[in-house]
Amino acid sequence: MEQIDETLVQQLQTSIDNCIHQNAKHLKASEAALLIQAIQTFAKEETVELLDRIIGNDVYELGPQQVVESLKAFLNTQKSRPKIQLLLLKRIKDNVKEYTVSELCEVSMILRTYGGAHEGMYNLIEPYILNKIPSLTENDLVMALVGFYNPELSRRFDLLDQLESIVVDQIDSLSQDTVEVLLNFFS
């Protein structure tokens, strides 16, 4: 197996950053969202700020999935300003009806990153997930359990009782991967 030349990788990353900066005036928010997702693991702080501003200036151009993926990407860079994260969370809050149950389950898992700081968002999305419980996939179930099982919240949500009941009732039909994820999370 050949080793990748780290110098070439760094040159490629620098070229990508330079290209983004040179073309920033022409980037749309949706394009900036794709870029932050693509470069989240190696983006320079200046590039993250640039993409942050482009997205922030036209956040309502983004579709629901782009908002969720952009929020995850900004969190993963560990270089983003809280302002863009709050703006993306506000976009979710203002348009919660546009999101699928899978996206809302994913949002609940993202919210866990903030501790109890956005408990109002949990209050907002819980009814939507409760309403769609029969259509939850195993992945949705895991994301919602992890998201809502947040010890920093001031209350235990009813959704948790229902999700835990589903897991107990259907433990034999859950995939081995799902069972392992849940065992690791709760251990």
Protein backbone atom coordinates (compact mmCIF):
# COMPACT_ATOMS: atom_id res chain seq x y z
CA MET A 1 0.00 0.00 0.00
CA GLU A 2 1.41 3.36 -1.03
CA GLN A 3 1.70 6.19 1.44
CA ILE A 4 0.22 9.55 0.63
CA ASP A 5 2.78 12.34 0.48
CA GLU A 6 1.80 14.77 3.27
CA THR A 7 3.44 17.65 1.46
CA LEU A 8 1.21 17.09 -1.56
CA VAL A 9 -1.85 16.90 0.67
CA GLN A 10 -0.94 20.21 2.32
CA GLN A 11 -0.34 21.80 -1.09
CA LEU A 12 -3.75 20.61 -2.27
CA GLN A 13 -5.42 21.94 0.88
CA THR A 14 -3.69 25.30 0.43
CA SER A 15 -4.75 25.40 -3.23
CA ILE A 16 -8.35 24.74 -2.26
CA ASP A 17 -8.25 27.51 0.36
CA ASN A 18 -6.71 29.93 -2.16
CA CYS A 19 -9.32 29.03 -4.78
CA ILE A 20 -12.15 29.67 -2.31
CA HIS A 21 -10.72 33.09 -1.39
CA GLN A 22 -10.20 34.05 -5.04
CA ASN A 23 -13.77 33.13 -5.98
CA ALA A 24 -15.54 34.26 -2.81
CA LYS A 25 -17.33 37.17 -4.50
CA HIS A 26 -19.10 34.73 -6.80
CA LEU A 27 -20.07 32.07 -4.26
CA LYS A 28 -23.68 31.55 -3.31
CA ALA A 29 -24.68 30.42 0.18
CA SER A 30 -25.53 26.94 -1.10
CA GLU A 31 -22.08 26.62 -2.69
CA ALA A 32 -20.39 27.87 0.48
CA ALA A 33 -22.38 25.27 2.44
CA LEU A 34 -21.06 22.50 0.21
CA LEU A 35 -17.53 23.82 0.56
CA ILE A 36 -17.56 23.99 4.37
CA GLN A 37 -18.82 20.41 4.40
CA ALA A 38 -16.04 19.31 2.06
CA ILE A 39 -13.16 21.06 3.82
CA GLN A 40 -14.30 20.93 7.43
CA THR A 41 -11.42 18.72 8.56
CA PHE A 42 -8.64 20.94 7.23
CA ALA A 43 -10.10 24.41 6.72
CA LYS A 44 -8.09 27.39 7.86
CA GLU A 45 -9.76 29.79 10.26
CA GLU A 46 -9.85 32.59 7.65
CA THR A 47 -11.60 30.30 5.17
CA VAL A 48 -14.14 29.19 7.77
CA GLU A 49 -14.88 32.86 8.53
CA LEU A 50 -15.24 33.65 4.84
CA LEU A 51 -17.69 30.79 4.26
CA ASP A 52 -19.45 31.76 7.50
CA ARG A 53 -20.08 35.27 6.15
CA ILE A 54 -21.29 34.03 2.76
CA ILE A 55 -23.73 31.60 4.35
CA GLY A 56 -24.78 34.09 7.00
CA ASN A 57 -25.65 36.71 4.40
CA ASP A 58 -28.14 34.42 2.67
CA VAL A 59 -28.94 31.58 5.07
CA TYR A 60 -32.52 31.34 3.82
CA GLU A 61 -31.24 30.18 0.43
CA LEU A 62 -30.24 26.88 2.07
CA GLY A 63 -32.56 23.91 2.16
CA PRO A 64 -33.17 22.02 5.41
CA GLN A 65 -30.57 19.31 4.80
CA GLN A 66 -27.95 21.93 3.84
CA VAL A 67 -28.63 23.79 7.09
CA VAL A 68 -28.17 20.65 9.19
CA GLU A 69 -25.04 19.56 7.30
CA SER A 70 -23.56 23.06 7.47
CA LEU A 71 -24.17 23.26 11.20
CA LYS A 72 -22.41 19.90 11.67
CA ALA A 73 -19.53 21.04 9.46
CA PHE A 74 -19.06 24.32 11.35
CA LEU A 75 -19.05 22.42 14.63
CA ASN A 76 -16.52 19.93 13.27
CA THR A 77 -14.09 22.65 12.17
CA GLN A 78 -13.82 23.83 15.78
CA LYS A 79 -12.94 27.20 14.25
CA SER A 80 -16.37 28.65 13.62
CA ARG A 81 -17.86 31.58 15.40
CA PRO A 82 -20.89 30.93 17.59
CA LYS A 83 -22.78 33.52 15.53
CA ILE A 84 -23.09 31.26 12.46
CA GLN A 85 -24.10 28.31 14.63
CA LEU A 86 -26.82 30.38 16.28
CA LEU A 87 -27.99 31.65 12.89
CA LEU A 88 -28.28 28.10 11.53
CA LEU A 89 -30.12 26.99 14.69
CA LYS A 90 -32.49 29.96 14.27
CA ARG A 91 -33.07 28.91 10.65
CA ILE A 92 -34.08 25.45 11.89
CA LYS A 93 -36.31 26.93 14.59
CA ASP A 94 -38.05 29.34 12.22
CA ASN A 95 -38.75 26.63 9.64
CA VAL A 96 -39.09 23.48 11.74
CA LYS A 97 -42.05 22.28 9.66
CA GLU A 98 -39.79 22.01 6.60
CA TYR A 99 -37.59 19.35 8.22
CA THR A 100 -38.06 15.62 7.94
CA VAL A 101 -38.24 13.52 11.06
CA SER A 102 -34.76 12.18 10.26
CA GLU A 103 -33.37 15.70 10.07
CA LEU A 104 -35.04 16.62 13.37
CA CYS A 105 -33.59 13.53 15.04
CA GLU A 106 -30.19 14.59 13.75
CA VAL A 107 -30.78 18.12 15.04
CA SER A 108 -31.54 16.69 18.50
CA MET A 109 -28.20 14.92 18.44
CA ILE A 110 -26.44 18.14 17.38
CA LEU A 111 -28.19 20.04 20.17
CA ARG A 112 -26.57 17.71 22.70
CA THR A 113 -23.26 19.40 21.82
CA TYR A 114 -24.59 22.60 23.39
CA GLY A 115 -25.57 20.96 26.69
CA GLY A 116 -28.78 22.47 27.98
CA ALA A 117 -28.32 25.83 26.27
CA HIS A 118 -31.01 25.23 23.64
CA GLU A 119 -33.69 23.44 25.63
CA GLY A 120 -36.31 25.48 23.82
CA MET A 121 -35.30 23.76 20.57
CA TYR A 122 -35.88 20.38 22.21
CA ASN A 123 -39.34 21.59 23.26
CA LEU A 124 -40.00 22.69 19.69
CA ILE A 125 -38.90 19.53 17.87
CA GLU A 126 -40.18 16.91 20.32
CA PRO A 127 -43.83 17.03 19.11
CA TYR A 128 -42.76 16.63 15.49
CA ILE A 129 -40.73 13.53 16.32
CA LEU A 130 -43.47 12.14 18.59
CA ASN A 131 -45.95 12.56 15.74
CA LYS A 132 -43.74 10.48 13.43
CA ILE A 133 -42.65 7.72 15.83
CA PRO A 134 -44.06 4.92 13.65
CA SER A 135 -41.91 6.06 10.73
CA LEU A 136 -38.60 6.30 12.62
CA THR A 137 -35.74 4.29 11.17
CA GLU A 138 -33.23 2.61 13.48
CA ASN A 139 -30.82 5.45 12.76
CA ASP A 140 -33.49 8.04 13.66
CA LEU A 141 -34.20 6.13 16.87
CA VAL A 142 -30.54 6.18 17.88
CA MET A 143 -30.07 9.87 17.03
CA ALA A 144 -33.19 10.90 18.95
CA LEU A 145 -32.25 8.78 21.97
CA VAL A 146 -28.74 10.20 22.05
CA GLY A 147 -29.99 13.74 21.47
CA PHE A 148 -32.78 13.76 24.01
CA TYR A 149 -30.87 11.74 26.60
CA ASN A 150 -29.10 14.91 27.69
CA PRO A 151 -28.37 15.13 31.42
CA GLU A 152 -27.98 18.91 31.17
CA LEU A 153 -31.66 19.44 30.30
CA SER A 154 -33.94 20.56 33.10
CA ARG A 155 -36.53 17.86 32.44
CA ARG A 156 -36.93 14.41 30.97
CA PHE A 157 -38.89 14.52 27.72
CA ASP A 158 -41.84 12.18 27.10
CA LEU A 159 -40.22 11.20 23.83
CA LEU A 160 -37.48 9.37 25.73
CA ASP A 161 -40.01 7.08 27.41
CA GLN A 162 -41.50 6.14 24.06
CA LEU A 163 -38.12 5.64 22.39
CA GLU A 164 -36.86 3.48 25.26
CA SER A 165 -40.05 1.44 25.07
CA ILE A 166 -39.49 0.86 21.35
CA VAL A 167 -35.94 -0.32 22.00
CA VAL A 168 -37.07 -2.72 24.74
CA ASP A 169 -39.99 -4.05 22.70
CA GLN A 170 -37.98 -4.48 19.52
CA ILE A 171 -34.56 -5.40 20.87
CA ASP A 172 -34.56 -8.72 19.00
CA SER A 173 -35.25 -7.05 15.65
CA LEU A 174 -32.68 -4.24 15.97
CA SER A 175 -29.49 -4.64 13.99
CA GLN A 176 -26.33 -5.65 15.81
CA ASP A 177 -24.76 -2.29 14.94
CA THR A 178 -27.66 -0.39 16.51
CA VAL A 179 -27.53 -2.51 19.66
CA GLU A 180 -23.76 -1.95 19.93
CA VAL A 181 -24.15 1.82 19.49
CA LEU A 182 -26.82 1.94 22.18
CA LEU A 183 -24.83 -0.27 24.56
CA ASN A 184 -21.74 1.92 24.10
CA PHE A 185 -23.73 5.10 24.61
CA PHE A 186 -25.49 3.95 27.75
CA SER A 187 -22.48 2.23 29.33
